[in-house]
């Protein structure tokens, strides 16, 4: 039987960790109040966040992000919802490959170095749990959880790369295919509710785990150039309105 690769073990480990952490939350949290849990009424949450995203790949720069989330607190401190996020200005490094690319193999061999940008949009279904830090409900608390869904990357090719293609393969038409892939996103946040819980401050860290083959078309003939890591760390601040 083949052993799992490191890239496969990491998402699996995080998924198991999230499930174990979920089982240890709730009544084991220091601020858990059984009476408040019994008297709890369902709540809806709407959230907007602004921040930055730092890709795992050193080829890309950090981008600016905005995210919107709708959630349903179906039980005391337990949340289910969805989030839509957009990250822009994720720029690739300048092309530094060969000055002349003479065949499809050489054109695709550049792989990630051919890209000048990788803006992204994501949609996730989220599961989250609150962990109070104090029995005083007016104090900040932690929320952790994870999201599963899809990541769409809007890829663009470097002008230097396209010039190298034309220098070695005049007339060749080279295009890159945008990518849609599975996304797993563990997250943790520090929150502070105000105005009897109607409005809350949010400071959140998210870590995206996603990868997908890069497909480069040469004269309409598409083939995989390499498998790219589209993961990275997102840091956001925002407001949560509950009703």
C-alpha atoms as a PDB file:
ATOM      1  CA  UNK A   1       0.000   0.000   0.000  1.00  0.00           C
ATOM      2  CA  UNK A   2       1.331   3.436  -0.918  1.00  0.00           C
ATOM      3  CA  UNK A   3       1.986   5.921   1.850  1.00  0.00           C
ATOM      4  CA  UNK A   4       0.200   9.258   1.846  1.00  0.00           C
ATOM      5  CA  UNK A   5       2.324  12.140   0.583  1.00  0.00           C
ATOM      6  CA  UNK A   6       3.044  15.114   2.820  1.00  0.00           C
ATOM      7  CA  UNK A   7       0.660  17.291   0.764  1.00  0.00           C
ATOM      8  CA  UNK A   8      -2.150  14.789   1.390  1.00  0.00           C
ATOM      9  CA  UNK A   9      -1.403  14.314   5.088  1.00  0.00           C
ATOM     10  CA  UNK A  10      -1.546  18.038   5.973  1.00  0.00           C
ATOM     11  CA  UNK A  11      -5.211  18.657   4.964  1.00  0.00           C
ATOM     12  CA  UNK A  12      -6.199  15.321   6.525  1.00  0.00           C
ATOM     13  CA  UNK A  13      -4.463  16.224   9.793  1.00  0.00           C
ATOM     14  CA  UNK A  14      -6.198  19.620   9.920  1.00  0.00           C
ATOM     15  CA  UNK A  15      -9.596  18.043   9.234  1.00  0.00           C
ATOM     16  CA  UNK A  16      -9.099  15.515  12.056  1.00  0.00           C
ATOM     17  CA  UNK A  17      -7.868  18.281  14.377  1.00  0.00           C
ATOM     18  CA  UNK A  18     -10.985  20.367  13.704  1.00  0.00           C
ATOM     19  CA  UNK A  19     -13.271  17.425  14.469  1.00  0.00           C
ATOM     20  CA  UNK A  20     -11.420  16.597  17.700  1.00  0.00           C
ATOM     21  CA  UNK A  21     -11.473  20.252  18.773  1.00  0.00           C
ATOM     22  CA  UNK A  22     -15.222  20.353  18.110  1.00  0.00           C
ATOM     23  CA  UNK A  23     -15.778  17.360  20.389  1.00  0.00           C
ATOM     24  CA  UNK A  24     -13.804  19.062  23.186  1.00  0.00           C
ATOM     25  CA  UNK A  25     -15.652  22.389  22.945  1.00  0.00           C
ATOM     26  CA  UNK A  26     -19.011  23.409  24.374  1.00  0.00           C
ATOM     27  CA  UNK A  27     -19.429  22.476  28.039  1.00  0.00           C
ATOM     28  CA  UNK A  28     -15.651  22.092  28.495  1.00  0.00           C
ATOM     29  CA  UNK A  29     -15.090  25.790  27.692  1.00  0.00           C
ATOM     30  CA  UNK A  30     -14.372  27.945  30.787  1.00  0.00           C
ATOM     31  CA  UNK A  31     -17.185  30.403  30.057  1.00  0.00           C
ATOM     32  CA  UNK A  32     -19.866  27.844  29.206  1.00  0.00           C
ATOM     33  CA  UNK A  33     -23.129  28.514  31.035  1.00  0.00           C
ATOM     34  CA  UNK A  34     -25.609  25.641  31.000  1.00  0.00           C
ATOM     35  CA  UNK A  35     -28.575  27.851  31.911  1.00  0.00           C
ATOM     36  CA  UNK A  36     -27.828  30.349  29.125  1.00  0.00           C
ATOM     37  CA  UNK A  37     -27.485  27.439  26.701  1.00  0.00           C
ATOM     38  CA  UNK A  38     -30.962  26.151  27.642  1.00  0.00           C
ATOM     39  CA  UNK A  39     -32.533  29.601  27.312  1.00  0.00           C
ATOM     40  CA  UNK A  40     -30.753  30.423  24.052  1.00  0.00           C
ATOM     41  CA  UNK A  41     -32.793  31.619  21.062  1.00  0.00           C
ATOM     42  CA  UNK A  42     -31.671  31.144  17.472  1.00  0.00           C
ATOM     43  CA  UNK A  43     -29.713  34.031  15.915  1.00  0.00           C
ATOM     44  CA  UNK A  44     -28.714  35.098  12.434  1.00  0.00           C
ATOM     45  CA  UNK A  45     -25.344  36.748  11.822  1.00  0.00           C
ATOM     46  CA  UNK A  46     -24.139  38.896   8.933  1.00  0.00           C
ATOM     47  CA  UNK A  47     -20.459  39.737   8.724  1.00  0.00           C
ATOM     48  CA  UNK A  48     -18.187  41.870   6.550  1.00  0.00           C
ATOM     49  CA  UNK A  49     -14.390  41.686   6.722  1.00  0.00           C
ATOM     50  CA  UNK A  50     -11.466  43.451   5.062  1.00  0.00           C
ATOM     51  CA  UNK A  51      -7.859  42.309   5.079  1.00  0.00           C
ATOM     52  CA  UNK A  52      -4.965  40.798   3.175  1.00  0.00           C
ATOM     53  CA  UNK A  53      -4.020  37.415   1.765  1.00  0.00           C
ATOM     54  CA  UNK A  54      -0.439  36.099   1.635  1.00  0.00           C
ATOM     55  CA  UNK A  55       0.019  33.177  -0.810  1.00  0.00           C
ATOM     56  CA  UNK A  56       2.110  30.181   0.171  1.00  0.00           C
ATOM     57  CA  UNK A  57       3.920  30.420  -3.163  1.00  0.00           C
ATOM     58  CA  UNK A  58       6.810  32.896  -3.144  1.00  0.00           C
ATOM     59  CA  UNK A  59       6.077  33.689  -6.808  1.00  0.00           C
ATOM     60  CA  UNK A  60       3.052  35.819  -5.851  1.00  0.00           C
ATOM     61  CA  UNK A  61       2.688  38.970  -3.799  1.00  0.00           C
ATOM     62  CA  UNK A  62       0.094  39.529  -1.101  1.00  0.00           C
ATOM     63  CA  UNK A  63      -3.335  40.723  -2.202  1.00  0.00           C
ATOM     64  CA  UNK A  64      -6.194  42.684  -0.650  1.00  0.00           C
ATOM     65  CA  UNK A  65      -9.372  40.882   0.281  1.00  0.00           C
ATOM     66  CA  UNK A  66     -12.985  41.414   1.247  1.00  0.00           C
ATOM     67  CA  UNK A  67     -15.358  38.749   2.530  1.00  0.00           C
ATOM     68  CA  UNK A  68     -19.066  38.529   3.338  1.00  0.00           C
ATOM     69  CA  UNK A  69     -20.525  35.864   5.607  1.00  0.00           C
ATOM     70  CA  UNK A  70     -24.051  34.879   6.579  1.00  0.00           C
ATOM     71  CA  UNK A  71     -24.430  32.541   9.530  1.00  0.00           C
ATOM     72  CA  UNK A  72     -27.033  30.849  11.668  1.00  0.00           C
ATOM     73  CA  UNK A  73     -26.339  30.220  15.358  1.00  0.00           C
ATOM     74  CA  UNK A  74     -28.482  27.123  15.723  1.00  0.00           C
ATOM     75  CA  UNK A  75     -27.364  26.287  19.249  1.00  0.00           C
ATOM     76  CA  UNK A  76     -25.509  28.110  21.999  1.00  0.00           C
ATOM     77  CA  UNK A  77     -22.094  28.979  20.518  1.00  0.00           C
ATOM     78  CA  UNK A  78     -22.476  26.732  17.453  1.00  0.00           C
ATOM     79  CA  UNK A  79     -22.662  28.270  13.978  1.00  0.00           C
ATOM     80  CA  UNK A  80     -23.447  27.178  10.438  1.00  0.00           C
ATOM     81  CA  UNK A  81     -23.227  29.468   7.408  1.00  0.00           C
ATOM     82  CA  UNK A  82     -21.535  30.404   4.179  1.00  0.00           C
ATOM     83  CA  UNK A  83     -18.885  32.895   3.101  1.00  0.00           C
ATOM     84  CA  UNK A  84     -18.018  34.541  -0.191  1.00  0.00           C
ATOM     85  CA  UNK A  85     -14.621  36.203  -0.566  1.00  0.00           C
ATOM     86  CA  UNK A  86     -12.634  38.052  -3.218  1.00  0.00           C
ATOM     87  CA  UNK A  87      -8.869  38.666  -3.236  1.00  0.00           C
ATOM     88  CA  UNK A  88      -7.358  41.020  -5.829  1.00  0.00           C
ATOM     89  CA  UNK A  89      -3.909  42.433  -6.674  1.00  0.00           C
ATOM     90  CA  UNK A  90      -2.186  39.042  -6.291  1.00  0.00           C
ATOM     91  CA  UNK A  91       0.688  39.788  -8.693  1.00  0.00           C
ATOM     92  CA  UNK A  92       3.287  37.356  -9.976  1.00  0.00           C
ATOM     93  CA  UNK A  93       7.020  38.015 -10.089  1.00  0.00           C
ATOM     94  CA  UNK A  94       8.577  39.276 -13.330  1.00  0.00           C
ATOM     95  CA  UNK A  95       9.381  36.614 -15.908  1.00  0.00           C
ATOM     96  CA  UNK A  96      12.987  35.408 -15.609  1.00  0.00           C
ATOM     97  CA  UNK A  97      12.949  32.313 -17.826  1.00  0.00           C
ATOM     98  CA  UNK A  98      14.566  31.635 -21.218  1.00  0.00           C
ATOM     99  CA  UNK A  99      14.409  34.459 -23.750  1.00  0.00           C
ATOM    100  CA  UNK A 100      13.218  32.039 -26.437  1.00  0.00           C
ATOM    101  CA  UNK A 101      10.726  29.172 -25.979  1.00  0.00           C
ATOM    102  CA  UNK A 102      10.903  26.988 -29.063  1.00  0.00           C
ATOM    103  CA  UNK A 103       8.365  24.174 -28.490  1.00  0.00           C
ATOM    104  CA  UNK A 104       5.269  23.289 -26.414  1.00  0.00           C
ATOM    105  CA  UNK A 105       7.346  21.398 -23.851  1.00  0.00           C
ATOM    106  CA  UNK A 106       9.563  24.424 -23.205  1.00  0.00           C
ATOM    107  CA  UNK A 107       6.534  26.723 -23.153  1.00  0.00           C
ATOM    108  CA  UNK A 108       4.817  24.648 -20.459  1.00  0.00           C
ATOM    109  CA  UNK A 109       8.010  23.910 -18.542  1.00  0.00           C
ATOM    110  CA  UNK A 110       8.065  27.521 -17.296  1.00  0.00           C
ATOM    111  CA  UNK A 111       4.949  26.614 -15.250  1.00  0.00           C
ATOM    112  CA  UNK A 112       4.249  29.093 -12.423  1.00  0.00           C
ATOM    113  CA  UNK A 113       6.883  31.497 -13.738  1.00  0.00           C
ATOM    114  CA  UNK A 114       4.598  32.277 -16.688  1.00  0.00           C
ATOM    115  CA  UNK A 115       1.917  33.846 -14.489  1.00  0.00           C
ATOM    116  CA  UNK A 116       1.630  37.569 -13.830  1.00  0.00           C
ATOM    117  CA  UNK A 117      -1.426  37.390 -11.585  1.00  0.00           C
ATOM    118  CA  UNK A 118      -3.748  35.022  -9.733  1.00  0.00           C
ATOM    119  CA  UNK A 119      -6.745  36.900  -8.335  1.00  0.00           C
ATOM    120  CA  UNK A 120      -9.176  34.635  -6.535  1.00  0.00           C
ATOM    121  CA  UNK A 121     -12.797  34.171  -5.520  1.00  0.00           C
ATOM    122  CA  UNK A 122     -14.010  31.633  -3.001  1.00  0.00           C
ATOM    123  CA  UNK A 123     -17.246  30.226  -1.632  1.00  0.00           C
ATOM    124  CA  UNK A 124     -17.316  28.059   1.474  1.00  0.00           C
ATOM    125  CA  UNK A 125     -19.826  26.398   3.773  1.00  0.00           C
ATOM    126  CA  UNK A 126     -18.659  27.048   7.318  1.00  0.00           C
ATOM    127  CA  UNK A 127     -18.951  25.335  10.688  1.00  0.00           C
ATOM    128  CA  UNK A 128     -17.776  27.281  13.764  1.00  0.00           C
ATOM    129  CA  UNK A 129     -17.750  27.002  17.553  1.00  0.00           C
ATOM    130  CA  UNK A 130     -17.354  29.671  20.233  1.00  0.00           C
ATOM    131  CA  UNK A 131     -14.910  29.266  23.128  1.00  0.00           C
ATOM    132  CA  UNK A 132     -15.431  31.846  25.911  1.00  0.00           C
ATOM    133  CA  UNK A 133     -12.310  33.034  27.683  1.00  0.00           C
ATOM    134  CA  UNK A 134     -14.193  34.213  30.756  1.00  0.00           C
ATOM    135  CA  UNK A 135     -17.518  33.677  32.495  1.00  0.00           C
ATOM    136  CA  UNK A 136     -18.116  37.394  31.947  1.00  0.00           C
ATOM    137  CA  UNK A 137     -20.148  37.480  28.725  1.00  0.00           C
ATOM    138  CA  UNK A 138     -18.993  41.040  28.018  1.00  0.00           C
ATOM    139  CA  UNK A 139     -15.398  39.946  27.489  1.00  0.00           C
ATOM    140  CA  UNK A 140     -13.739  38.855  24.192  1.00  0.00           C
ATOM    141  CA  UNK A 141     -13.985  35.214  23.174  1.00  0.00           C
ATOM    142  CA  UNK A 142     -12.539  32.880  20.559  1.00  0.00           C
ATOM    143  CA  UNK A 143     -14.265  31.268  17.623  1.00  0.00           C
ATOM    144  CA  UNK A 144     -12.707  28.497  15.597  1.00  0.00           C
ATOM    145  CA  UNK A 145     -13.932  26.264  12.805  1.00  0.00           C
ATOM    146  CA  UNK A 146     -13.467  25.400   9.175  1.00  0.00           C
ATOM    147  CA  UNK A 147     -14.974  25.920   5.754  1.00  0.00           C
ATOM    148  CA  UNK A 148     -15.219  23.624   2.744  1.00  0.00           C
ATOM    149  CA  UNK A 149     -16.061  24.778  -0.753  1.00  0.00           C
ATOM    150  CA  UNK A 150     -14.571  25.984  -3.994  1.00  0.00           C
ATOM    151  CA  UNK A 151     -11.803  28.351  -5.048  1.00  0.00           C
ATOM    152  CA  UNK A 152     -11.745  30.019  -8.478  1.00  0.00           C
ATOM    153  CA  UNK A 153      -8.500  31.627  -9.639  1.00  0.00           C
ATOM    154  CA  UNK A 154      -8.395  34.203 -12.442  1.00  0.00           C
ATOM    155  CA  UNK A 155      -4.965  33.643 -13.987  1.00  0.00           C
ATOM    156  CA  UNK A 156      -3.044  35.937 -16.354  1.00  0.00           C
ATOM    157  CA  UNK A 157       0.188  35.473 -18.313  1.00  0.00           C
ATOM    158  CA  UNK A 158       3.284  37.660 -18.047  1.00  0.00           C
ATOM    159  CA  UNK A 159       4.085  39.903 -21.002  1.00  0.00           C
ATOM    160  CA  UNK A 160       7.747  38.828 -20.752  1.00  0.00           C
ATOM    161  CA  UNK A 161       6.696  35.188 -21.009  1.00  0.00           C
ATOM    162  CA  UNK A 162       4.522  35.868 -24.067  1.00  0.00           C
ATOM    163  CA  UNK A 163       7.427  37.728 -25.698  1.00  0.00           C
ATOM    164  CA  UNK A 164       9.662  34.688 -25.137  1.00  0.00           C
ATOM    165  CA  UNK A 165       7.014  32.479 -26.760  1.00  0.00           C
ATOM    166  CA  UNK A 166       6.858  34.704 -29.843  1.00  0.00           C
ATOM    167  CA  UNK A 167      10.649  34.852 -30.055  1.00  0.00           C
ATOM    168  CA  UNK A 168      10.997  31.056 -30.175  1.00  0.00           C
ATOM    169  CA  UNK A 169       7.621  30.030 -31.644  1.00  0.00           C
ATOM    170  CA  UNK A 170       6.364  32.854 -33.891  1.00  0.00           C
ATOM    171  CA  UNK A 171       2.600  32.789 -34.342  1.00  0.00           C
ATOM    172  CA  UNK A 172       1.945  30.407 -31.466  1.00  0.00           C
ATOM    173  CA  UNK A 173      -1.208  31.165 -29.475  1.00  0.00           C
ATOM    174  CA  UNK A 174      -0.691  30.556 -25.764  1.00  0.00           C
ATOM    175  CA  UNK A 175      -3.425  30.886 -23.163  1.00  0.00           C
ATOM    176  CA  UNK A 176      -3.812  29.888 -19.534  1.00  0.00           C
ATOM    177  CA  UNK A 177      -6.969  28.272 -18.192  1.00  0.00           C
ATOM    178  CA  UNK A 178      -8.614  29.710 -15.085  1.00  0.00           C
ATOM    179  CA  UNK A 179      -8.826  27.152 -12.299  1.00  0.00           C
ATOM    180  CA  UNK A 180     -11.723  25.893 -10.189  1.00  0.00           C
ATOM    181  CA  UNK A 181     -10.697  23.651  -7.290  1.00  0.00           C
ATOM    182  CA  UNK A 182     -11.662  22.257  -3.909  1.00  0.00           C
ATOM    183  CA  UNK A 183     -10.851  24.461  -0.912  1.00  0.00           C
ATOM    184  CA  UNK A 184     -10.432  23.531   2.752  1.00  0.00           C
ATOM    185  CA  UNK A 185     -10.115  26.510   5.115  1.00  0.00           C
ATOM    186  CA  UNK A 186      -9.533  26.231   8.882  1.00  0.00           C
ATOM    187  CA  UNK A 187      -9.972  29.531  10.722  1.00  0.00           C
ATOM    188  CA  UNK A 188      -9.746  31.104  14.162  1.00  0.00           C
ATOM    189  CA  UNK A 189     -10.898  34.519  15.330  1.00  0.00           C
ATOM    190  CA  UNK A 190     -10.996  36.802  18.346  1.00  0.00           C
ATOM    191  CA  UNK A 191     -14.394  38.453  18.845  1.00  0.00           C
ATOM    192  CA  UNK A 192     -15.853  41.064  21.143  1.00  0.00           C
ATOM    193  CA  UNK A 193     -19.619  41.613  21.251  1.00  0.00           C
ATOM    194  CA  UNK A 194     -21.090  45.023  22.012  1.00  0.00           C
ATOM    195  CA  UNK A 195     -24.593  46.473  22.431  1.00  0.00           C
ATOM    196  CA  UNK A 196     -25.947  43.289  24.037  1.00  0.00           C
ATOM    197  CA  UNK A 197     -24.477  41.150  21.290  1.00  0.00           C
ATOM    198  CA  UNK A 198     -26.076  43.021  18.392  1.00  0.00           C
ATOM    199  CA  UNK A 199     -22.726  44.171  16.993  1.00  0.00           C
ATOM    200  CA  UNK A 200     -19.347  42.536  17.324  1.00  0.00           C
ATOM    201  CA  UNK A 201     -15.730  43.228  16.416  1.00  0.00           C
ATOM    202  CA  UNK A 202     -13.935  40.456  14.505  1.00  0.00           C
ATOM    203  CA  UNK A 203     -10.211  39.760  14.012  1.00  0.00           C
ATOM    204  CA  UNK A 204      -9.764  36.541  12.066  1.00  0.00           C
ATOM    205  CA  UNK A 205      -7.008  34.392  10.576  1.00  0.00           C
ATOM    206  CA  UNK A 206      -7.765  31.867   7.826  1.00  0.00           C
ATOM    207  CA  UNK A 207      -5.509  29.340   6.141  1.00  0.00           C
ATOM    208  CA  UNK A 208      -6.429  28.161   2.642  1.00  0.00           C
ATOM    209  CA  UNK A 209      -5.462  24.648   1.553  1.00  0.00           C
ATOM    210  CA  UNK A 210      -5.901  24.162  -2.199  1.00  0.00           C
ATOM    211  CA  UNK A 211      -3.904  22.921  -5.174  1.00  0.00           C
ATOM    212  CA  UNK A 212      -4.621  22.262  -8.842  1.00  0.00           C
ATOM    213  CA  UNK A 213      -2.771  21.444 -12.082  1.00  0.00           C
ATOM    214  CA  UNK A 214      -1.866  24.498 -14.143  1.00  0.00           C
ATOM    215  CA  UNK A 215      -3.208  24.066 -17.685  1.00  0.00           C
ATOM    216  CA  UNK A 216      -1.478  26.021 -20.470  1.00  0.00           C
ATOM    217  CA  UNK A 217      -3.015  25.906 -23.958  1.00  0.00           C
ATOM    218  CA  UNK A 218      -0.607  26.011 -26.911  1.00  0.00           C
ATOM    219  CA  UNK A 219      -2.509  26.513 -30.184  1.00  0.00           C
ATOM    220  CA  UNK A 220      -5.705  25.263 -28.490  1.00  0.00           C
ATOM    221  CA  UNK A 221      -3.944  22.093 -27.277  1.00  0.00           C
ATOM    222  CA  UNK A 222      -4.236  22.137 -23.477  1.00  0.00           C
ATOM    223  CA  UNK A 223      -1.981  20.152 -21.183  1.00  0.00           C
ATOM    224  CA  UNK A 224      -0.820  20.264 -17.577  1.00  0.00           C
ATOM    225  CA  UNK A 225       2.282  22.348 -16.945  1.00  0.00           C
ATOM    226  CA  UNK A 226       2.630  21.679 -13.211  1.00  0.00           C
ATOM    227  CA  UNK A 227       0.575  21.342 -10.031  1.00  0.00           C
ATOM    228  CA  UNK A 228       0.446  24.639  -8.180  1.00  0.00           C
ATOM    229  CA  UNK A 229      -0.155  25.380  -4.524  1.00  0.00           C
ATOM    230  CA  UNK A 230      -2.908  28.002  -4.199  1.00  0.00           C
ATOM    231  CA  UNK A 231      -2.871  27.978  -0.398  1.00  0.00           C
ATOM    232  CA  UNK A 232      -2.049  30.878   1.864  1.00  0.00           C
ATOM    233  CA  UNK A 233      -2.846  32.884   4.974  1.00  0.00           C
ATOM    234  CA  UNK A 234      -5.615  35.451   5.153  1.00  0.00           C
ATOM    235  CA  UNK A 235      -5.870  38.008   7.966  1.00  0.00           C
ATOM    236  CA  UNK A 236      -9.081  40.049   8.299  1.00  0.00           C
ATOM    237  CA  UNK A 237     -10.847  42.518  10.577  1.00  0.00           C
ATOM    238  CA  UNK A 238     -14.509  43.348  10.411  1.00  0.00           C
ATOM    239  CA  UNK A 239     -17.927  43.651  12.041  1.00  0.00           C
ATOM    240  CA  UNK A 240     -20.568  41.056  12.869  1.00  0.00           C
ATOM    241  CA  UNK A 241     -24.212  42.125  13.107  1.00  0.00           C
ATOM    242  CA  UNK A 242     -26.603  39.655  14.750  1.00  0.00           C
ATOM    243  CA  UNK A 243     -30.380  39.686  14.732  1.00  0.00           C
END
